[in-house]
């Protein structure tokens, strides 16, 4: 990246992995977690009826994906904190002095972690809103947002109701599908059945969204750096690459 201005100071003794939660690029970590869940569910011997392993893998997928969204958001700020000038114009962005004490010595590459803790990433709408304000991108398309809401409905039913059908869940899902057998599913009696194939289906969907989000995030941050004429030292360049599958010129 041919940028000559030096608004961003070079880091001293900071490895590019330190910009990421746990020292692993957010997308790479999420993909590893998905692979672990796929392997786990495939080891299950349950083929019909309630499959507890599959249910737990569904819950895990939701948890890991939400963490990915939050960690990717935090990494952007860690890598280029100047992005907060744009974000703070649109969002109330406050950090307590007590919170700052936890990362005071690492503030030059950890500020994003504190910022991300102040926001919720539990829906497509929330994620789109935060990334729109930060980078002018919306990771979820309208179709993907609808599908993600369906996934979260299943996850919430498992977490909050043990998978037992509720009136709210029935109204949101069954009536719209107009499938006779589903319309008459026993509310507060019958259960949602998660199969191995369901786990793989949702893993495929979330993986596609995560990869797209990672690439879009990296590209948008690169665009911001160029537009603001910020310099990028080698470690920041590597970190921007790590947001997705980018390969920057000269690296």
Protein backbone atom coordinates (compact mmCIF):
# COMPACT_ATOMS: atom_id res chain seq x y z
CA UNK A 1 0.00 0.00 0.00
CA UNK A 2 1.65 3.21 -1.17
CA UNK A 3 0.79 5.72 1.50
CA UNK A 4 3.40 8.23 2.63
CA UNK A 5 1.72 10.19 5.41
CA UNK A 6 2.66 9.19 8.97
CA UNK A 7 -0.39 9.97 11.08
CA UNK A 8 -0.24 6.47 12.52
CA UNK A 9 2.88 5.87 14.58
CA UNK A 10 4.75 2.62 14.14
CA UNK A 11 4.28 0.12 16.90
CA UNK A 12 7.12 -0.87 19.18
CA UNK A 13 7.43 -4.54 19.98
CA UNK A 14 3.81 -5.41 19.13
CA UNK A 15 3.16 -8.50 17.04
CA UNK A 16 0.27 -8.31 14.56
CA UNK A 17 -1.56 -11.14 16.34
CA UNK A 18 -1.91 -8.98 19.43
CA UNK A 19 -4.59 -6.96 17.64
CA UNK A 20 -6.87 -10.00 17.81
CA UNK A 21 -8.71 -11.60 20.71
CA UNK A 22 -6.72 -14.58 21.98
CA UNK A 23 -3.91 -13.78 19.57
CA UNK A 24 -5.70 -15.47 16.66
CA UNK A 25 -7.37 -13.69 13.70
CA UNK A 26 -11.12 -13.63 14.36
CA UNK A 27 -12.11 -15.35 11.12
CA UNK A 28 -9.49 -18.09 11.43
CA UNK A 29 -10.53 -18.78 15.02
CA UNK A 30 -14.21 -18.98 14.11
CA UNK A 31 -13.52 -21.39 11.24
CA UNK A 32 -11.52 -23.62 13.59
CA UNK A 33 -14.36 -23.62 16.08
CA UNK A 34 -16.86 -24.54 13.36
CA UNK A 35 -14.64 -27.44 12.29
CA UNK A 36 -14.56 -28.67 15.89
CA UNK A 37 -18.35 -28.57 16.11
CA UNK A 38 -18.72 -30.42 12.81
CA UNK A 39 -16.38 -33.11 14.05
CA UNK A 40 -18.22 -33.34 17.36
CA UNK A 41 -21.68 -33.73 15.84
CA UNK A 42 -20.41 -36.30 13.33
CA UNK A 43 -19.27 -38.48 16.22
CA UNK A 44 -22.82 -38.62 17.55
CA UNK A 45 -24.52 -42.01 17.10
CA UNK A 46 -28.07 -40.63 17.43
CA UNK A 47 -29.88 -40.78 14.09
CA UNK A 48 -33.52 -40.14 15.10
CA UNK A 49 -35.25 -38.23 17.89
CA UNK A 50 -33.61 -35.80 20.29
CA UNK A 51 -29.88 -35.43 19.71
CA UNK A 52 -28.35 -33.54 22.62
CA UNK A 53 -24.97 -33.29 20.90
CA UNK A 54 -26.55 -31.67 17.86
CA UNK A 55 -28.46 -29.24 20.09
CA UNK A 56 -25.30 -28.21 21.92
CA UNK A 57 -23.49 -27.74 18.60
CA UNK A 58 -26.29 -25.44 17.41
CA UNK A 59 -25.94 -23.38 20.57
CA UNK A 60 -22.18 -23.37 20.11
CA UNK A 61 -22.47 -22.12 16.53
CA UNK A 62 -24.52 -19.16 17.70
CA UNK A 63 -22.11 -18.33 20.50
CA UNK A 64 -19.02 -18.61 18.34
CA UNK A 65 -20.49 -16.55 15.51
CA UNK A 66 -21.55 -13.73 17.81
CA UNK A 67 -18.07 -13.75 19.35
CA UNK A 68 -16.57 -13.58 15.85
CA UNK A 69 -18.63 -10.49 15.01
CA UNK A 70 -17.59 -8.78 18.25
CA UNK A 71 -13.92 -9.74 17.89
CA UNK A 72 -13.77 -8.61 14.26
CA UNK A 73 -15.27 -5.26 15.25
CA UNK A 74 -12.76 -4.89 18.09
CA UNK A 75 -9.81 -5.80 15.87
CA UNK A 76 -10.65 -3.04 13.40
CA UNK A 77 -10.41 -0.45 16.16
CA UNK A 78 -7.28 -2.03 17.60
CA UNK A 79 -5.53 -1.89 14.23
CA UNK A 80 -6.62 1.62 13.23
CA UNK A 81 -8.00 3.51 16.25
CA UNK A 82 -8.48 6.59 14.05
CA UNK A 83 -11.62 4.89 12.77
CA UNK A 84 -13.26 5.89 16.06
CA UNK A 85 -13.42 9.51 14.89
CA UNK A 86 -16.10 8.43 12.41
CA UNK A 87 -17.78 5.97 14.75
CA UNK A 88 -18.03 8.35 17.71
CA UNK A 89 -19.96 10.83 15.58
CA UNK A 90 -22.74 8.25 15.27
CA UNK A 91 -22.59 6.29 18.53
CA UNK A 92 -22.20 7.15 22.18
CA UNK A 93 -18.80 5.61 22.86
CA UNK A 94 -17.72 5.72 26.49
CA UNK A 95 -15.17 3.79 28.55
CA UNK A 96 -14.82 4.03 32.33
CA UNK A 97 -11.49 4.81 33.94
CA UNK A 98 -11.72 1.51 35.82
CA UNK A 99 -12.04 -0.40 32.55
CA UNK A 100 -9.04 1.42 31.10
CA UNK A 101 -6.87 0.18 33.95
CA UNK A 102 -7.25 -3.40 32.69
CA UNK A 103 -5.49 -2.62 29.39
CA UNK A 104 -3.54 0.52 30.22
CA UNK A 105 -0.19 -0.93 29.17
CA UNK A 106 -1.67 -2.42 25.98
CA UNK A 107 -3.94 0.48 25.03
CA UNK A 108 -2.22 1.05 21.68
CA UNK A 109 -3.52 -2.32 20.45
CA UNK A 110 -6.40 -3.19 22.80
CA UNK A 111 -8.78 -0.22 22.77
CA UNK A 112 -11.22 -2.05 20.50
CA UNK A 113 -11.81 -4.76 23.07
CA UNK A 114 -13.12 -2.22 25.56
CA UNK A 115 -15.27 -0.47 22.96
CA UNK A 116 -16.84 -3.71 21.71
CA UNK A 117 -17.90 -4.70 25.23
CA UNK A 118 -20.26 -1.73 25.29
CA UNK A 119 -22.39 -3.02 22.41
CA UNK A 120 -24.61 -6.00 21.60
CA UNK A 121 -23.94 -8.18 18.55
CA UNK A 122 -26.85 -10.58 18.98
CA UNK A 123 -28.80 -9.94 15.77
CA UNK A 124 -28.20 -9.17 12.11
CA UNK A 125 -29.71 -5.72 12.63
CA UNK A 126 -27.31 -4.96 15.48
CA UNK A 127 -24.28 -6.22 13.56
CA UNK A 128 -25.22 -4.33 10.40
CA UNK A 129 -25.79 -1.14 12.38
CA UNK A 130 -22.45 -1.28 14.18
CA UNK A 131 -20.41 -2.13 11.10
CA UNK A 132 -22.27 0.50 9.09
CA UNK A 133 -21.34 3.14 11.63
CA UNK A 134 -17.74 1.91 11.85
CA UNK A 135 -16.86 1.04 8.24
CA UNK A 136 -19.88 1.91 6.07
CA UNK A 137 -20.58 -1.77 5.34
CA UNK A 138 -23.54 -4.03 6.12
CA UNK A 139 -22.30 -7.63 6.52
CA UNK A 140 -25.77 -9.19 6.24
CA UNK A 141 -27.88 -8.89 3.10
CA UNK A 142 -31.64 -8.72 3.60
CA UNK A 143 -31.98 -12.40 2.71
CA UNK A 144 -29.12 -13.40 5.01
CA UNK A 145 -30.59 -11.36 7.87
CA UNK A 146 -33.90 -13.21 7.53
CA UNK A 147 -32.16 -16.56 7.51
CA UNK A 148 -30.01 -15.62 10.49
CA UNK A 149 -33.14 -14.64 12.42
CA UNK A 150 -34.53 -18.12 11.73
CA UNK A 151 -31.33 -19.66 13.05
CA UNK A 152 -31.46 -17.52 16.18
CA UNK A 153 -35.10 -18.49 16.79
CA UNK A 154 -34.08 -22.14 16.89
CA UNK A 155 -31.10 -21.36 19.10
CA UNK A 156 -33.23 -19.30 21.50
CA UNK A 157 -35.83 -22.04 21.73
CA UNK A 158 -33.09 -24.48 22.73
CA UNK A 159 -31.47 -22.14 25.24
CA UNK A 160 -34.53 -20.63 26.88
CA UNK A 161 -37.11 -23.41 26.55
CA UNK A 162 -35.09 -26.59 26.24
CA UNK A 163 -36.31 -26.98 22.66
CA UNK A 164 -40.00 -27.31 23.66
CA UNK A 165 -42.29 -25.47 21.23
CA UNK A 166 -43.79 -22.23 22.53
CA UNK A 167 -46.75 -20.25 21.22
CA UNK A 168 -44.41 -17.45 20.11
CA UNK A 169 -42.13 -19.84 18.24
CA UNK A 170 -45.09 -21.54 16.57
CA UNK A 171 -46.50 -18.19 15.47
CA UNK A 172 -43.18 -17.09 14.01
CA UNK A 173 -42.29 -20.27 12.19
CA UNK A 174 -45.05 -22.79 11.67
CA UNK A 175 -47.96 -20.66 10.50
CA UNK A 176 -45.83 -18.95 7.89
CA UNK A 177 -44.80 -22.27 6.39
CA UNK A 178 -48.39 -23.52 6.05
CA UNK A 179 -47.25 -27.10 6.52
CA UNK A 180 -50.20 -28.96 8.05
CA UNK A 181 -48.09 -31.25 10.23
CA UNK A 182 -46.16 -28.29 11.58
CA UNK A 183 -49.20 -26.08 12.18
CA UNK A 184 -50.57 -28.67 14.57
CA UNK A 185 -47.29 -29.31 16.37
CA UNK A 186 -47.89 -29.62 20.09
CA UNK A 187 -47.12 -26.29 21.75
CA UNK A 188 -45.53 -26.78 25.19
CA UNK A 189 -45.37 -30.51 24.48
CA UNK A 190 -43.43 -31.39 21.31
CA UNK A 191 -39.79 -30.49 20.80
CA UNK A 192 -37.62 -29.03 18.08
CA UNK A 193 -35.45 -31.83 16.70
CA UNK A 194 -31.95 -30.82 15.61
CA UNK A 195 -30.25 -33.35 13.35
CA UNK A 196 -26.65 -33.65 12.24
CA UNK A 197 -27.60 -32.30 8.84
CA UNK A 198 -29.09 -29.19 10.47
CA UNK A 199 -25.83 -28.43 12.25
CA UNK A 200 -23.90 -28.74 9.00
CA UNK A 201 -26.46 -26.61 7.15
CA UNK A 202 -26.20 -23.77 9.62
CA UNK A 203 -22.42 -24.16 9.85
CA UNK A 204 -22.24 -23.73 6.06
CA UNK A 205 -24.41 -20.61 6.21
CA UNK A 206 -22.52 -18.94 9.05
CA UNK A 207 -19.19 -19.79 7.44
CA UNK A 208 -20.23 -18.08 4.21
CA UNK A 209 -21.40 -14.98 6.08
CA UNK A 210 -18.25 -14.86 8.22
CA UNK A 211 -15.91 -15.13 5.23
CA UNK A 212 -17.81 -12.42 3.38
CA UNK A 213 -17.79 -10.23 6.48
CA UNK A 214 -14.07 -10.73 6.99
CA UNK A 215 -13.22 -9.76 3.42
CA UNK A 216 -15.57 -6.77 3.45
CA UNK A 217 -14.17 -5.58 6.78
CA UNK A 218 -10.58 -5.78 5.62
CA UNK A 219 -11.33 -4.06 2.32
CA UNK A 220 -13.28 -1.26 4.03
CA UNK A 221 -10.53 -0.66 6.57
CA UNK A 222 -7.95 -0.55 3.81
CA UNK A 223 -10.09 2.00 1.98
CA UNK A 224 -10.33 4.13 5.13
CA UNK A 225 -6.56 4.03 5.66
CA UNK A 226 -5.96 5.16 2.08
CA UNK A 227 -8.61 7.91 2.18
CA UNK A 228 -7.19 9.34 5.42
CA UNK A 229 -3.59 8.94 4.19
CA UNK A 230 -2.57 6.94 7.22
CA UNK A 231 0.65 4.98 7.25
CA UNK A 232 0.61 1.25 7.92
CA UNK A 233 3.63 -0.39 9.50
CA UNK A 234 4.25 -4.06 8.63
CA UNK A 235 2.42 -5.39 11.68
CA UNK A 236 -0.72 -3.38 10.92
CA UNK A 237 -0.60 -4.55 7.30
CA UNK A 238 -0.51 -8.16 8.45
CA UNK A 239 -3.40 -7.51 10.82
CA UNK A 240 -5.54 -5.99 8.06
CA UNK A 241 -4.82 -9.07 5.96
CA UNK A 242 -5.86 -11.19 8.92
CA UNK A 243 -9.34 -9.68 8.99
CA UNK A 244 -10.24 -11.68 5.88
CA UNK A 245 -8.45 -13.19 2.92
CA UNK A 246 -6.76 -10.03 1.70
CA UNK A 247 -3.27 -9.95 0.28
CA UNK A 248 -1.82 -6.45 0.24
CA UNK A 249 0.70 -5.31 -2.30
CA UNK A 250 4.28 -5.52 -1.08
CA UNK A 251 3.58 -8.00 1.74
